[in-house]
Amino acid sequence: MKLILISFTAIFALASCNTMVGLGRDTRLLGQEMEKTAEKSAPASDSGTSGAPIY
Protein backbone atom coordinates (compact mmCIF):
# COMPACT_ATOMS: atom_id res chain seq x y z
CA MET A 1 0.00 0.00 0.00
CA LYS A 2 2.85 2.38 0.82
CA LEU A 3 4.47 1.70 -2.54
CA ILE A 4 1.26 2.58 -4.37
CA LEU A 5 0.87 5.81 -2.42
CA ILE A 6 4.49 6.80 -3.06
CA SER A 7 4.11 5.97 -6.76
CA PHE A 8 0.99 8.12 -7.14
CA THR A 9 2.64 10.98 -5.28
CA ALA A 10 5.67 10.84 -7.56
CA ILE A 11 3.52 10.70 -10.70
CA PHE A 12 1.44 13.71 -9.63
CA ALA A 13 4.54 15.68 -8.65
CA LEU A 14 6.19 15.06 -12.01
CA ALA A 15 3.02 15.83 -13.93
CA SER A 16 2.47 19.10 -12.10
CA CYS A 17 6.08 20.12 -12.68
CA ASN A 18 5.64 19.56 -16.40
CA THR A 19 2.41 21.55 -16.34
CA MET A 20 4.10 24.50 -14.64
CA VAL A 21 6.90 24.50 -17.23
CA GLY A 22 4.29 24.66 -19.97
CA LEU A 23 2.45 27.45 -18.19
CA GLY A 24 5.68 29.40 -17.85
CA ARG A 25 6.42 29.05 -21.56
CA ASP A 26 2.90 30.11 -22.52
CA THR A 27 3.11 33.14 -20.23
CA ARG A 28 6.49 34.15 -21.67
CA LEU A 29 5.20 33.86 -25.24
CA LEU A 30 2.10 35.86 -24.38
CA GLY A 31 4.26 38.61 -22.89
CA GLN A 32 6.45 38.72 -25.98
CA GLU A 33 3.44 39.05 -28.26
CA MET A 34 2.02 41.81 -26.06
CA GLU A 35 5.34 43.68 -26.29
CA LYS A 36 5.40 43.36 -30.08
CA THR A 37 1.83 44.66 -30.33
CA ALA A 38 2.58 47.56 -28.00
CA GLU A 39 5.70 48.51 -29.95
CA LYS A 40 3.77 48.48 -33.23
CA SER A 41 0.93 50.63 -31.91
CA ALA A 42 3.04 53.10 -29.89
CA PRO A 43 3.80 56.39 -31.66
CA ALA A 44 7.46 57.00 -32.34
CA SER A 45 8.84 59.75 -30.15
CA ASP A 46 12.25 61.38 -29.86
CA SER A 47 11.91 62.11 -26.14
CA GLY A 48 14.17 59.19 -25.22
CA THR A 49 11.53 57.35 -23.19
CA SER A 50 11.15 54.58 -25.77
CA GLY A 51 7.38 54.66 -25.42
CA ALA A 52 7.31 54.41 -21.63
CA PRO A 53 4.81 56.70 -19.90
CA ILE A 54 6.16 59.64 -17.96
CA TYR A 55 4.51 60.30 -14.60
C-alpha atoms as a PDB file:
ATOM      1  CA  MET A   1       0.000   0.000   0.000  1.00  0.00           C
ATOM      2  CA  LYS A   2       2.855   2.380   0.819  1.00  0.00           C
ATOM      3  CA  LEU A   3       4.469   1.698  -2.538  1.00  0.00           C
ATOM      4  CA  ILE A   4       1.257   2.576  -4.375  1.00  0.00           C
ATOM      5  CA  LEU A   5       0.871   5.809  -2.417  1.00  0.00           C
ATOM      6  CA  ILE A   6       4.487   6.802  -3.060  1.00  0.00           C
ATOM      7  CA  SER A   7       4.106   5.969  -6.763  1.00  0.00           C
ATOM      8  CA  PHE A   8       0.992   8.118  -7.143  1.00  0.00           C
ATOM      9  CA  THR A   9       2.635  10.981  -5.280  1.00  0.00           C
ATOM     10  CA  ALA A  10       5.671  10.839  -7.561  1.00  0.00           C
ATOM     11  CA  ILE A  11       3.517  10.698 -10.695  1.00  0.00           C
ATOM     12  CA  PHE A  12       1.442  13.707  -9.634  1.00  0.00           C
ATOM     13  CA  ALA A  13       4.539  15.675  -8.654  1.00  0.00           C
ATOM     14  CA  LEU A  14       6.194  15.056 -12.006  1.00  0.00           C
ATOM     15  CA  ALA A  15       3.015  15.829 -13.927  1.00  0.00           C
ATOM     16  CA  SER A  16       2.465  19.103 -12.096  1.00  0.00           C
ATOM     17  CA  CYS A  17       6.079  20.122 -12.682  1.00  0.00           C
ATOM     18  CA  ASN A  18       5.642  19.561 -16.405  1.00  0.00           C
ATOM     19  CA  THR A  19       2.409  21.550 -16.342  1.00  0.00           C
ATOM     20  CA  MET A  20       4.098  24.500 -14.639  1.00  0.00           C
ATOM     21  CA  VAL A  21       6.896  24.496 -17.226  1.00  0.00           C
ATOM     22  CA  GLY A  22       4.287  24.661 -19.974  1.00  0.00           C
ATOM     23  CA  LEU A  23       2.448  27.449 -18.186  1.00  0.00           C
ATOM     24  CA  GLY A  24       5.682  29.401 -17.853  1.00  0.00           C
ATOM     25  CA  ARG A  25       6.417  29.045 -21.564  1.00  0.00           C
ATOM     26  CA  ASP A  26       2.902  30.113 -22.523  1.00  0.00           C
ATOM     27  CA  THR A  27       3.105  33.142 -20.234  1.00  0.00           C
ATOM     28  CA  ARG A  28       6.486  34.151 -21.673  1.00  0.00           C
ATOM     29  CA  LEU A  29       5.204  33.864 -25.241  1.00  0.00           C
ATOM     30  CA  LEU A  30       2.099  35.864 -24.385  1.00  0.00           C
ATOM     31  CA  GLY A  31       4.261  38.609 -22.887  1.00  0.00           C
ATOM     32  CA  GLN A  32       6.454  38.717 -25.976  1.00  0.00           C
ATOM     33  CA  GLU A  33       3.435  39.050 -28.257  1.00  0.00           C
ATOM     34  CA  MET A  34       2.017  41.814 -26.063  1.00  0.00           C
ATOM     35  CA  GLU A  35       5.340  43.680 -26.292  1.00  0.00           C
ATOM     36  CA  LYS A  36       5.397  43.364 -30.085  1.00  0.00           C
ATOM     37  CA  THR A  37       1.828  44.656 -30.334  1.00  0.00           C
ATOM     38  CA  ALA A  38       2.578  47.558 -27.996  1.00  0.00           C
ATOM     39  CA  GLU A  39       5.701  48.507 -29.952  1.00  0.00           C
ATOM     40  CA  LYS A  40       3.774  48.480 -33.234  1.00  0.00           C
ATOM     41  CA  SER A  41       0.934  50.630 -31.909  1.00  0.00           C
ATOM     42  CA  ALA A  42       3.044  53.095 -29.887  1.00  0.00           C
ATOM     43  CA  PRO A  43       3.798  56.386 -31.659  1.00  0.00           C
ATOM     44  CA  ALA A  44       7.460  56.997 -32.344  1.00  0.00           C
ATOM     45  CA  SER A  45       8.840  59.754 -30.153  1.00  0.00           C
ATOM     46  CA  ASP A  46      12.245  61.380 -29.858  1.00  0.00           C
ATOM     47  CA  SER A  47      11.913  62.109 -26.143  1.00  0.00           C
ATOM     48  CA  GLY A  48      14.168  59.187 -25.219  1.00  0.00           C
ATOM     49  CA  THR A  49      11.527  57.355 -23.185  1.00  0.00           C
ATOM     50  CA  SER A  50      11.150  54.583 -25.768  1.00  0.00           C
ATOM     51  CA  GLY A  51       7.384  54.661 -25.417  1.00  0.00           C
ATOM     52  CA  ALA A  52       7.305  54.412 -21.631  1.00  0.00           C
ATOM     53  CA  PRO A  53       4.812  56.704 -19.903  1.00  0.00           C
ATOM     54  CA  ILE A  54       6.160  59.639 -17.956  1.00  0.00           C
ATOM     55  CA  TYR A  55       4.509  60.301 -14.603  1.00  0.00           C
END
